[in-house]
Amino acid sequence: MSFFIHYTFFSEKMEKSNFTFKYIIQIVSKKQTVLEKKATKKPYITC
């Protein structure tokens, strides 16, 4: 039962930080696509 209470509390916190979480994911994905474009220009260099 305590696990269920902890889970609902955690999900509420996640919903509050969901916007910032999506924002961080967008930034990371943009950086990733830039890195992938750089990697495609230099196919022999692997990070």
PDB file of N, CA and C in Angstrom:
ATOM      1  N   MET A   1       0.837  -1.212   0.000  1.00  0.00           N
ATOM      2  CA  MET A   1       0.000   0.000   0.000  1.00  0.00           C
ATOM      3  C   MET A   1       0.871   1.261   0.000  1.00  0.00           C
ATOM      4  N   SER A   2       1.944   1.207   0.738  1.00  0.00           N
ATOM      5  CA  SER A   2       2.832   2.368   0.772  1.00  0.00           C
ATOM      6  C   SER A   2       3.462   2.604  -0.605  1.00  0.00           C
ATOM      7  N   PHE A   3       3.694   1.511  -1.334  1.00  0.00           N
ATOM      8  CA  PHE A   3       4.240   1.640  -2.683  1.00  0.00           C
ATOM      9  C   PHE A   3       3.261   2.389  -3.590  1.00  0.00           C
ATOM     10  N   PHE A   4       1.973   2.070  -3.457  1.00  0.00           N
ATOM     11  CA  PHE A   4       0.955   2.729  -4.274  1.00  0.00           C
ATOM     12  C   PHE A   4       0.895   4.225  -3.960  1.00  0.00           C
ATOM     13  N   ILE A   5       0.958   4.572  -2.682  1.00  0.00           N
ATOM     14  CA  ILE A   5       0.932   5.990  -2.280  1.00  0.00           C
ATOM     15  C   ILE A   5       2.166   6.699  -2.828  1.00  0.00           C
ATOM     16  N   HIS A   6       3.307   6.060  -2.716  1.00  0.00           N
ATOM     17  CA  HIS A   6       4.548   6.645  -3.230  1.00  0.00           C
ATOM     18  C   HIS A   6       4.471   6.834  -4.741  1.00  0.00           C
ATOM     19  N   TYR A   7       3.864   5.858  -5.411  1.00  0.00           N
ATOM     20  CA  TYR A   7       3.757   5.922  -6.873  1.00  0.00           C
ATOM     21  C   TYR A   7       2.860   7.085  -7.303  1.00  0.00           C
ATOM     22  N   THR A   8       1.721   7.277  -6.638  1.00  0.00           N
ATOM     23  CA  THR A   8       0.826   8.370  -7.000  1.00  0.00           C
ATOM     24  C   THR A   8       1.497   9.716  -6.705  1.00  0.00           C
ATOM     25  N   PHE A   9       2.220   9.810  -5.614  1.00  0.00           N
ATOM     26  CA  PHE A   9       2.933  11.043  -5.285  1.00  0.00           C
ATOM     27  C   PHE A   9       3.985  11.338  -6.355  1.00  0.00           C
ATOM     28  N   PHE A  10       4.690  10.313  -6.761  1.00  0.00           N
ATOM     29  CA  PHE A  10       5.719  10.475  -7.781  1.00  0.00           C
ATOM     30  C   PHE A  10       5.106  10.893  -9.117  1.00  0.00           C
ATOM     31  N   SER A  11       3.966  10.295  -9.479  1.00  0.00           N
ATOM     32  CA  SER A  11       3.318  10.632 -10.747  1.00  0.00           C
ATOM     33  C   SER A  11       2.814  12.079 -10.724  1.00  0.00           C
ATOM     34  N   GLU A  12       2.353  12.553  -9.565  1.00  0.00           N
ATOM     35  CA  GLU A  12       1.919  13.950  -9.461  1.00  0.00           C
ATOM     36  C   GLU A  12       3.103  14.885  -9.662  1.00  0.00           C
ATOM     37  N   LYS A  13       4.234  14.540  -9.069  1.00  0.00           N
ATOM     38  CA  LYS A  13       5.426  15.369  -9.254  1.00  0.00           C
ATOM     39  C   LYS A  13       5.885  15.334 -10.710  1.00  0.00           C
ATOM     40  N   MET A  14       5.744  14.180 -11.340  1.00  0.00           N
ATOM     41  CA  MET A  14       6.152  14.058 -12.734  1.00  0.00           C
ATOM     42  C   MET A  14       5.256  14.898 -13.632  1.00  0.00           C
ATOM     43  N   GLU A  15       3.979  14.953 -13.335  1.00  0.00           N
ATOM     44  CA  GLU A  15       3.078  15.783 -14.138  1.00  0.00           C
ATOM     45  C   GLU A  15       3.427  17.260 -14.000  1.00  0.00           C
ATOM     46  N   LYS A  16       3.838  17.675 -12.816  1.00  0.00           N
ATOM     47  CA  LYS A  16       4.227  19.070 -12.619  1.00  0.00           C
ATOM     48  C   LYS A  16       5.505  19.384 -13.389  1.00  0.00           C
ATOM     49  N   SER A  17       6.450  18.456 -13.400  1.00  0.00           N
ATOM     50  CA  SER A  17       7.723  18.679 -14.079  1.00  0.00           C
ATOM     51  C   SER A  17       7.713  18.122 -15.497  1.00  0.00           C
ATOM     52  N   ASN A  18       6.521  17.761 -15.984  1.00  0.00           N
ATOM     53  CA  ASN A  18       6.413  17.163 -17.321  1.00  0.00           C
ATOM     54  C   ASN A  18       6.774  18.178 -18.392  1.00  0.00           C
ATOM     55  N   PHE A  19       6.364  19.430 -18.195  1.00  0.00           N
ATOM     56  CA  PHE A  19       6.641  20.472 -19.187  1.00  0.00           C
ATOM     57  C   PHE A  19       8.141  20.694 -19.324  1.00  0.00           C
ATOM     58  N   THR A  20       8.823  20.861 -18.188  1.00  0.00           N
ATOM     59  CA  THR A  20      10.264  21.080 -18.227  1.00  0.00           C
ATOM     60  C   THR A  20      10.973  19.835 -18.757  1.00  0.00           C
ATOM     61  N   PHE A  21      10.427  18.656 -18.438  1.00  0.00           N
ATOM     62  CA  PHE A  21      11.015  17.405 -18.918  1.00  0.00           C
ATOM     63  C   PHE A  21      10.946  17.331 -20.441  1.00  0.00           C
ATOM     64  N   LYS A  22       9.786  17.685 -21.009  1.00  0.00           N
ATOM     65  CA  LYS A  22       9.643  17.694 -22.466  1.00  0.00           C
ATOM     66  C   LYS A  22      10.567  18.737 -23.085  1.00  0.00           C
ATOM     67  N   TYR A  23      10.712  19.877 -22.410  1.00  0.00           N
ATOM     68  CA  TYR A  23      11.588  20.933 -22.916  1.00  0.00           C
ATOM     69  C   TYR A  23      13.035  20.454 -22.975  1.00  0.00           C
ATOM     70  N   ILE A  24      13.472  19.758 -21.911  1.00  0.00           N
ATOM     71  CA  ILE A  24      14.830  19.214 -21.882  1.00  0.00           C
ATOM     72  C   ILE A  24      15.002  18.171 -22.991  1.00  0.00           C
ATOM     73  N   ILE A  25      13.984  17.336 -23.198  1.00  0.00           N
ATOM     74  CA  ILE A  25      14.065  16.318 -24.253  1.00  0.00           C
ATOM     75  C   ILE A  25      14.181  16.983 -25.618  1.00  0.00           C
ATOM     76  N   GLN A  26      13.460  18.061 -25.835  1.00  0.00           N
ATOM     77  CA  GLN A  26      13.548  18.772 -27.112  1.00  0.00           C
ATOM     78  C   GLN A  26      14.955  19.314 -27.326  1.00  0.00           C
ATOM     79  N   ILE A  27      15.556  19.907 -26.292  1.00  0.00           N
ATOM     80  CA  ILE A  27      16.908  20.453 -26.402  1.00  0.00           C
ATOM     81  C   ILE A  27      17.903  19.331 -26.712  1.00  0.00           C
ATOM     82  N   VAL A  28      17.777  18.229 -25.984  1.00  0.00           N
ATOM     83  CA  VAL A  28      18.704  17.110 -26.179  1.00  0.00           C
ATOM     84  C   VAL A  28      18.546  16.529 -27.577  1.00  0.00           C
ATOM     85  N   SER A  29      17.304  16.384 -28.047  1.00  0.00           N
ATOM     86  CA  SER A  29      17.079  15.816 -29.379  1.00  0.00           C
ATOM     87  C   SER A  29      17.621  16.747 -30.457  1.00  0.00           C
ATOM     88  N   LYS A  30      17.496  18.072 -30.250  1.00  0.00           N
ATOM     89  CA  LYS A  30      18.055  19.018 -31.217  1.00  0.00           C
ATOM     90  C   LYS A  30      19.572  18.899 -31.267  1.00  0.00           C
ATOM     91  N   LYS A  31      20.207  18.809 -30.097  1.00  0.00           N
ATOM     92  CA  LYS A  31      21.654  18.635 -30.060  1.00  0.00           C
ATOM     93  C   LYS A  31      22.048  17.316 -30.707  1.00  0.00           C
ATOM     94  N   GLN A  32      21.253  16.292 -30.484  1.00  0.00           N
ATOM     95  CA  GLN A  32      21.546  14.971 -31.049  1.00  0.00           C
ATOM     96  C   GLN A  32      21.476  15.023 -32.573  1.00  0.00           C
ATOM     97  N   THR A  33      20.471  15.694 -33.116  1.00  0.00           N
ATOM     98  CA  THR A  33      20.353  15.775 -34.571  1.00  0.00           C
ATOM     99  C   THR A  33      21.524  16.562 -35.149  1.00  0.00           C
ATOM    100  N   VAL A  34      21.969  17.609 -34.460  1.00  0.00           N
ATOM    101  CA  VAL A  34      23.130  18.374 -34.925  1.00  0.00           C
ATOM    102  C   VAL A  34      24.373  17.494 -34.920  1.00  0.00           C
ATOM    103  N   LEU A  35      24.533  16.717 -33.852  1.00  0.00           N
ATOM    104  CA  LEU A  35      25.677  15.806 -33.775  1.00  0.00           C
ATOM    105  C   LEU A  35      25.604  14.750 -34.870  1.00  0.00           C
ATOM    106  N   GLU A  36      24.397  14.259 -35.154  1.00  0.00           N
ATOM    107  CA  GLU A  36      24.236  13.259 -36.208  1.00  0.00           C
ATOM    108  C   GLU A  36      24.562  13.850 -37.577  1.00  0.00           C
ATOM    109  N   LYS A  37      24.177  15.108 -37.808  1.00  0.00           N
ATOM    110  CA  LYS A  37      24.502  15.754 -39.079  1.00  0.00           C
ATOM    111  C   LYS A  37      26.011  15.922 -39.219  1.00  0.00           C
ATOM    112  N   LYS A  38      26.681  16.302 -38.127  1.00  0.00           N
ATOM    113  CA  LYS A  38      28.143  16.421 -38.153  1.00  0.00           C
ATOM    114  C   LYS A  38      28.786  15.058 -38.389  1.00  0.00           C
ATOM    115  N   ALA A  39      28.197  14.028 -37.793  1.00  0.00           N
ATOM    116  CA  ALA A  39      28.746  12.675 -37.936  1.00  0.00           C
ATOM    117  C   ALA A  39      28.574  12.174 -39.369  1.00  0.00           C
ATOM    118  N   THR A  40      27.469  12.549 -40.016  1.00  0.00           N
ATOM    119  CA  THR A  40      27.253  12.096 -41.390  1.00  0.00           C
ATOM    120  C   THR A  40      28.229  12.795 -42.335  1.00  0.00           C
ATOM    121  N   LYS A  41      28.631  14.017 -41.995  1.00  0.00           N
ATOM    122  CA  LYS A  41      29.630  14.711 -42.817  1.00  0.00           C
ATOM    123  C   LYS A  41      30.987  14.015 -42.697  1.00  0.00           C
ATOM    124  N   LYS A  42      31.288  13.504 -41.501  1.00  0.00           N
ATOM    125  CA  LYS A  42      32.542  12.792 -41.275  1.00  0.00           C
ATOM    126  C   LYS A  42      32.222  11.344 -40.903  1.00  0.00           C
ATOM    127  N   PRO A  43      32.016  10.489 -41.878  1.00  0.00           N
ATOM    128  CA  PRO A  43      31.540   9.125 -41.571  1.00  0.00           C
ATOM    129  C   PRO A  43      32.595   8.260 -40.883  1.00  0.00           C
ATOM    130  N   TYR A  44      33.868   8.581 -41.044  1.00  0.00           N
ATOM    131  CA  TYR A  44      34.905   7.720 -40.472  1.00  0.00           C
ATOM    132  C   TYR A  44      35.208   8.050 -39.026  1.00  0.00           C
ATOM    133  N   ILE A  45      34.752   9.224 -38.555  1.00  0.00           N
ATOM    134  CA  ILE A  45      34.972   9.603 -37.148  1.00  0.00           C
ATOM    135  C   ILE A  45      33.751   9.176 -36.346  1.00  0.00           C
ATOM    136  N   THR A  46      33.954   8.351 -35.330  1.00  0.00           N
ATOM    137  CA  THR A  46      32.842   7.906 -34.480  1.00  0.00           C
ATOM    138  C   THR A  46      33.048   8.442 -33.073  1.00  0.00           C
ATOM    139  N   CYS A  47      31.999   8.998 -32.512  1.00  0.00           N
ATOM    140  CA  CYS A  47      32.088   9.542 -31.164  1.00  0.00           C
ATOM    141  C   CYS A  47      31.978   8.427 -30.131  1.00  0.00           C
TER     142      CYS A  47
END
